[in-house]
Amino acid sequence: MAQLTTWIKFLTPVLTLGMMVFYLDREKYPVVDKLIPYYFALVFIYTLLIAIEAI
């Protein structure tokens, strides 16, 4: 579980930058619109992990 937490904490900021770059060029990369719900789910999990660690 700790390794999964580490991967999620590492990948979320990286995916945030990637989503921002590709979202600006949506016409060229239409797949980004399909990935947005999964991205928000990942950010939600990331936020929960940070909150659980803070307790």
PDB file of N, CA and C in Angstrom:
ATOM      1  N   MET A   1       0.833  -1.202   0.000  1.00  0.00           N
ATOM      2  CA  MET A   1       0.000   0.000   0.000  1.00  0.00           C
ATOM      3  C   MET A   1       0.871   1.257   0.000  1.00  0.00           C
ATOM      4  N   ALA A   2       1.969   1.209   0.717  1.00  0.00           N
ATOM      5  CA  ALA A   2       2.840   2.384   0.783  1.00  0.00           C
ATOM      6  C   ALA A   2       3.438   2.704  -0.583  1.00  0.00           C
ATOM      7  N   GLN A   3       3.748   1.660  -1.341  1.00  0.00           N
ATOM      8  CA  GLN A   3       4.322   1.892  -2.665  1.00  0.00           C
ATOM      9  C   GLN A   3       3.275   2.504  -3.597  1.00  0.00           C
ATOM     10  N   LEU A   4       2.033   2.055  -3.495  1.00  0.00           N
ATOM     11  CA  LEU A   4       0.958   2.624  -4.297  1.00  0.00           C
ATOM     12  C   LEU A   4       0.752   4.099  -3.941  1.00  0.00           C
ATOM     13  N   THR A   5       0.783   4.407  -2.657  1.00  0.00           N
ATOM     14  CA  THR A   5       0.648   5.790  -2.213  1.00  0.00           C
ATOM     15  C   THR A   5       1.759   6.652  -2.788  1.00  0.00           C
ATOM     16  N   THR A   6       2.964   6.141  -2.784  1.00  0.00           N
ATOM     17  CA  THR A   6       4.098   6.883  -3.325  1.00  0.00           C
ATOM     18  C   THR A   6       3.920   7.136  -4.813  1.00  0.00           C
ATOM     19  N   TRP A   7       3.475   6.125  -5.538  1.00  0.00           N
ATOM     20  CA  TRP A   7       3.268   6.293  -6.985  1.00  0.00           C
ATOM     21  C   TRP A   7       2.186   7.316  -7.270  1.00  0.00           C
ATOM     22  N   ILE A   8       1.101   7.279  -6.511  1.00  0.00           N
ATOM     23  CA  ILE A   8       0.012   8.239  -6.725  1.00  0.00           C
ATOM     24  C   ILE A   8       0.493   9.655  -6.426  1.00  0.00           C
ATOM     25  N   LYS A   9       1.256   9.812  -5.351  1.00  0.00           N
ATOM     26  CA  LYS A   9       1.765  11.138  -4.996  1.00  0.00           C
ATOM     27  C   LYS A   9       2.761  11.654  -6.032  1.00  0.00           C
ATOM     28  N   PHE A  10       3.477  10.767  -6.665  1.00  0.00           N
ATOM     29  CA  PHE A  10       4.429  11.179  -7.696  1.00  0.00           C
ATOM     30  C   PHE A  10       3.728  11.498  -9.014  1.00  0.00           C
ATOM     31  N   LEU A  11       2.777  10.655  -9.395  1.00  0.00           N
ATOM     32  CA  LEU A  11       2.154  10.796 -10.712  1.00  0.00           C
ATOM     33  C   LEU A  11       1.129  11.926 -10.805  1.00  0.00           C
ATOM     34  N   THR A  12       0.488  12.279  -9.704  1.00  0.00           N
ATOM     35  CA  THR A  12      -0.555  13.300  -9.782  1.00  0.00           C
ATOM     36  C   THR A  12      -0.019  14.653 -10.256  1.00  0.00           C
ATOM     37  N   PRO A  13       1.069  15.191  -9.696  1.00  0.00           N
ATOM     38  CA  PRO A  13       1.581  16.463 -10.228  1.00  0.00           C
ATOM     39  C   PRO A  13       2.077  16.349 -11.673  1.00  0.00           C
ATOM     40  N   VAL A  14       2.680  15.214 -12.009  1.00  0.00           N
ATOM     41  CA  VAL A  14       3.161  15.018 -13.377  1.00  0.00           C
ATOM     42  C   VAL A  14       1.984  14.987 -14.348  1.00  0.00           C
ATOM     43  N   LEU A  15       0.926  14.261 -13.989  1.00  0.00           N
ATOM     44  CA  LEU A  15      -0.255  14.210 -14.842  1.00  0.00           C
ATOM     45  C   LEU A  15      -0.973  15.557 -14.902  1.00  0.00           C
ATOM     46  N   THR A  16      -0.885  16.336 -13.831  1.00  0.00           N
ATOM     47  CA  THR A  16      -1.489  17.668 -13.849  1.00  0.00           C
ATOM     48  C   THR A  16      -0.841  18.527 -14.915  1.00  0.00           C
ATOM     49  N   LEU A  17       0.477  18.516 -14.966  1.00  0.00           N
ATOM     50  CA  LEU A  17       1.178  19.288 -15.996  1.00  0.00           C
ATOM     51  C   LEU A  17       0.843  18.773 -17.391  1.00  0.00           C
ATOM     52  N   GLY A  18       0.821  17.467 -17.549  1.00  0.00           N
ATOM     53  CA  GLY A  18       0.495  16.884 -18.841  1.00  0.00           C
ATOM     54  C   GLY A  18      -0.921  17.216 -19.286  1.00  0.00           C
ATOM     55  N   MET A  19      -1.867  17.140 -18.370  1.00  0.00           N
ATOM     56  CA  MET A  19      -3.250  17.453 -18.717  1.00  0.00           C
ATOM     57  C   MET A  19      -3.393  18.925 -19.093  1.00  0.00           C
ATOM     58  N   MET A  20      -2.678  19.811 -18.399  1.00  0.00           N
ATOM     59  CA  MET A  20      -2.760  21.232 -18.741  1.00  0.00           C
ATOM     60  C   MET A  20      -2.230  21.487 -20.145  1.00  0.00           C
ATOM     61  N   VAL A  21      -1.089  20.884 -20.467  1.00  0.00           N
ATOM     62  CA  VAL A  21      -0.485  21.095 -21.785  1.00  0.00           C
ATOM     63  C   VAL A  21      -1.389  20.562 -22.883  1.00  0.00           C
ATOM     64  N   PHE A  22      -1.894  19.339 -22.723  1.00  0.00           N
ATOM     65  CA  PHE A  22      -2.713  18.743 -23.768  1.00  0.00           C
ATOM     66  C   PHE A  22      -4.112  19.350 -23.825  1.00  0.00           C
ATOM     67  N   TYR A  23      -4.604  19.839 -22.682  1.00  0.00           N
ATOM     68  CA  TYR A  23      -5.940  20.437 -22.675  1.00  0.00           C
ATOM     69  C   TYR A  23      -5.956  21.734 -23.475  1.00  0.00           C
ATOM     70  N   LEU A  24      -4.852  22.452 -23.469  1.00  0.00           N
ATOM     71  CA  LEU A  24      -4.777  23.691 -24.247  1.00  0.00           C
ATOM     72  C   LEU A  24      -4.860  23.421 -25.740  1.00  0.00           C
ATOM     73  N   ASP A  25      -4.493  22.211 -26.148  1.00  0.00           N
ATOM     74  CA  ASP A  25      -4.515  21.846 -27.564  1.00  0.00           C
ATOM     75  C   ASP A  25      -5.537  20.720 -27.789  1.00  0.00           C
ATOM     76  N   ARG A  26      -6.762  20.936 -27.274  1.00  0.00           N
ATOM     77  CA  ARG A  26      -7.807  19.907 -27.306  1.00  0.00           C
ATOM     78  C   ARG A  26      -8.190  19.464 -28.709  1.00  0.00           C
ATOM     79  N   GLU A  27      -8.164  20.389 -29.652  1.00  0.00           N
ATOM     80  CA  GLU A  27      -8.581  20.032 -31.009  1.00  0.00           C
ATOM     81  C   GLU A  27      -7.653  18.981 -31.612  1.00  0.00           C
ATOM     82  N   LYS A  28      -6.392  19.064 -31.241  1.00  0.00           N
ATOM     83  CA  LYS A  28      -5.397  18.129 -31.775  1.00  0.00           C
ATOM     84  C   LYS A  28      -5.425  16.792 -31.026  1.00  0.00           C
ATOM     85  N   TYR A  29      -5.749  16.835 -29.720  1.00  0.00           N
ATOM     86  CA  TYR A  29      -5.766  15.632 -28.884  1.00  0.00           C
ATOM     87  C   TYR A  29      -7.154  15.467 -28.252  1.00  0.00           C
ATOM     88  N   PRO A  30      -8.126  14.949 -29.002  1.00  0.00           N
ATOM     89  CA  PRO A  30      -9.490  14.835 -28.442  1.00  0.00           C
ATOM     90  C   PRO A  30      -9.608  13.811 -27.310  1.00  0.00           C
ATOM     91  N   VAL A  31      -8.624  12.942 -27.153  1.00  0.00           N
ATOM     92  CA  VAL A  31      -8.694  11.922 -26.097  1.00  0.00           C
ATOM     93  C   VAL A  31      -8.629  12.549 -24.704  1.00  0.00           C
ATOM     94  N   VAL A  32      -8.110  13.762 -24.610  1.00  0.00           N
ATOM     95  CA  VAL A  32      -7.982  14.424 -23.306  1.00  0.00           C
ATOM     96  C   VAL A  32      -9.355  14.621 -22.669  1.00  0.00           C
ATOM     97  N   ASP A  33     -10.368  14.936 -23.478  1.00  0.00           N
ATOM     98  CA  ASP A  33     -11.702  15.128 -22.923  1.00  0.00           C
ATOM     99  C   ASP A  33     -12.242  13.852 -22.280  1.00  0.00           C
ATOM    100  N   LYS A  34     -11.841  12.697 -22.783  1.00  0.00           N
ATOM    101  CA  LYS A  34     -12.287  11.427 -22.205  1.00  0.00           C
ATOM    102  C   LYS A  34     -11.519  11.082 -20.928  1.00  0.00           C
ATOM    103  N   LEU A  35     -10.317  11.638 -20.772  1.00  0.00           N
ATOM    104  CA  LEU A  35      -9.494  11.323 -19.610  1.00  0.00           C
ATOM    105  C   LEU A  35      -9.789  12.205 -18.401  1.00  0.00           C
ATOM    106  N   ILE A  36     -10.495  13.289 -18.590  1.00  0.00           N
ATOM    107  CA  ILE A  36     -10.717  14.243 -17.503  1.00  0.00           C
ATOM    108  C   ILE A  36     -11.408  13.615 -16.283  1.00  0.00           C
ATOM    109  N   PRO A  37     -12.460  12.800 -16.424  1.00  0.00           N
ATOM    110  CA  PRO A  37     -13.060  12.201 -15.216  1.00  0.00           C
ATOM    111  C   PRO A  37     -12.089  11.313 -14.438  1.00  0.00           C
ATOM    112  N   TYR A  38     -11.254  10.569 -15.150  1.00  0.00           N
ATOM    113  CA  TYR A  38     -10.268   9.725 -14.473  1.00  0.00           C
ATOM    114  C   TYR A  38      -9.224  10.570 -13.761  1.00  0.00           C
ATOM    115  N   TYR A  39      -8.875  11.677 -14.379  1.00  0.00           N
ATOM    116  CA  TYR A  39      -7.902  12.579 -13.768  1.00  0.00           C
ATOM    117  C   TYR A  39      -8.461  13.154 -12.462  1.00  0.00           C
ATOM    118  N   PHE A  40      -9.722  13.591 -12.483  1.00  0.00           N
ATOM    119  CA  PHE A  40     -10.314  14.144 -11.265  1.00  0.00           C
ATOM    120  C   PHE A  40     -10.446  13.080 -10.178  1.00  0.00           C
ATOM    121  N   ALA A  41     -10.695  11.842 -10.564  1.00  0.00           N
ATOM    122  CA  ALA A  41     -10.733  10.757  -9.576  1.00  0.00           C
ATOM    123  C   ALA A  41      -9.357  10.568  -8.943  1.00  0.00           C
ATOM    124  N   LEU A  42      -8.304  10.651  -9.761  1.00  0.00           N
ATOM    125  CA  LEU A  42      -6.945  10.527  -9.233  1.00  0.00           C
ATOM    126  C   LEU A  42      -6.617  11.672  -8.275  1.00  0.00           C
ATOM    127  N   VAL A  43      -7.032  12.881  -8.614  1.00  0.00           N
ATOM    128  CA  VAL A  43      -6.794  14.028  -7.738  1.00  0.00           C
ATOM    129  C   VAL A  43      -7.564  13.859  -6.428  1.00  0.00           C
ATOM    130  N   PHE A  44      -8.770  13.315  -6.488  1.00  0.00           N
ATOM    131  CA  PHE A  44      -9.546  13.075  -5.277  1.00  0.00           C
ATOM    132  C   PHE A  44      -8.837  12.062  -4.374  1.00  0.00           C
ATOM    133  N   ILE A  45      -8.348  10.982  -4.962  1.00  0.00           N
ATOM    134  CA  ILE A  45      -7.613   9.972  -4.188  1.00  0.00           C
ATOM    135  C   ILE A  45      -6.348  10.582  -3.592  1.00  0.00           C
ATOM    136  N   TYR A  46      -5.656  11.393  -4.383  1.00  0.00           N
ATOM    137  CA  TYR A  46      -4.448  12.083  -3.918  1.00  0.00           C
ATOM    138  C   TYR A  46      -4.764  12.952  -2.695  1.00  0.00           C
ATOM    139  N   THR A  47      -5.861  13.695  -2.773  1.00  0.00           N
ATOM    140  CA  THR A  47      -6.254  14.563  -1.663  1.00  0.00           C
ATOM    141  C   THR A  47      -6.587  13.740  -0.426  1.00  0.00           C
ATOM    142  N   LEU A  48      -7.281  12.624  -0.616  1.00  0.00           N
ATOM    143  CA  LEU A  48      -7.591  11.760   0.531  1.00  0.00           C
ATOM    144  C   LEU A  48      -6.323  11.202   1.172  1.00  0.00           C
ATOM    145  N   LEU A  49      -5.356  10.795   0.354  1.00  0.00           N
ATOM    146  CA  LEU A  49      -4.112  10.260   0.904  1.00  0.00           C
ATOM    147  C   LEU A  49      -3.369  11.310   1.720  1.00  0.00           C
ATOM    148  N   ILE A  50      -3.339  12.531   1.232  1.00  0.00           N
ATOM    149  CA  ILE A  50      -2.683  13.617   1.973  1.00  0.00           C
ATOM    150  C   ILE A  50      -3.422  13.870   3.287  1.00  0.00           C
ATOM    151  N   ALA A  51      -4.743  13.858   3.243  1.00  0.00           N
ATOM    152  CA  ALA A  51      -5.534  14.097   4.458  1.00  0.00           C
ATOM    153  C   ALA A  51      -5.344  12.981   5.473  1.00  0.00           C
ATOM    154  N   ILE A  52      -5.291  11.743   5.012  1.00  0.00           N
ATOM    155  CA  ILE A  52      -5.109  10.616   5.930  1.00  0.00           C
ATOM    156  C   ILE A  52      -3.733  10.677   6.592  1.00  0.00           C
ATOM    157  N   GLU A  53      -2.723  11.067   5.831  1.00  0.00           N
ATOM    158  CA  GLU A  53      -1.385  11.181   6.407  1.00  0.00           C
ATOM    159  C   GLU A  53      -1.300  12.303   7.427  1.00  0.00           C
ATOM    160  N   ALA A  54      -2.087  13.358   7.244  1.00  0.00           N
ATOM    161  CA  ALA A  54      -2.030  14.510   8.148  1.00  0.00           C
ATOM    162  C   ALA A  54      -2.660  14.203   9.502  1.00  0.00           C
ATOM    163  N   ILE A  55      -3.496  13.187   9.552  1.00  0.00           N
ATOM    164  CA  ILE A  55      -4.183  12.852  10.814  1.00  0.00           C
ATOM    165  C   ILE A  55      -3.214  12.215  11.794  1.00  0.00           C
TER     166      ILE A  55
END
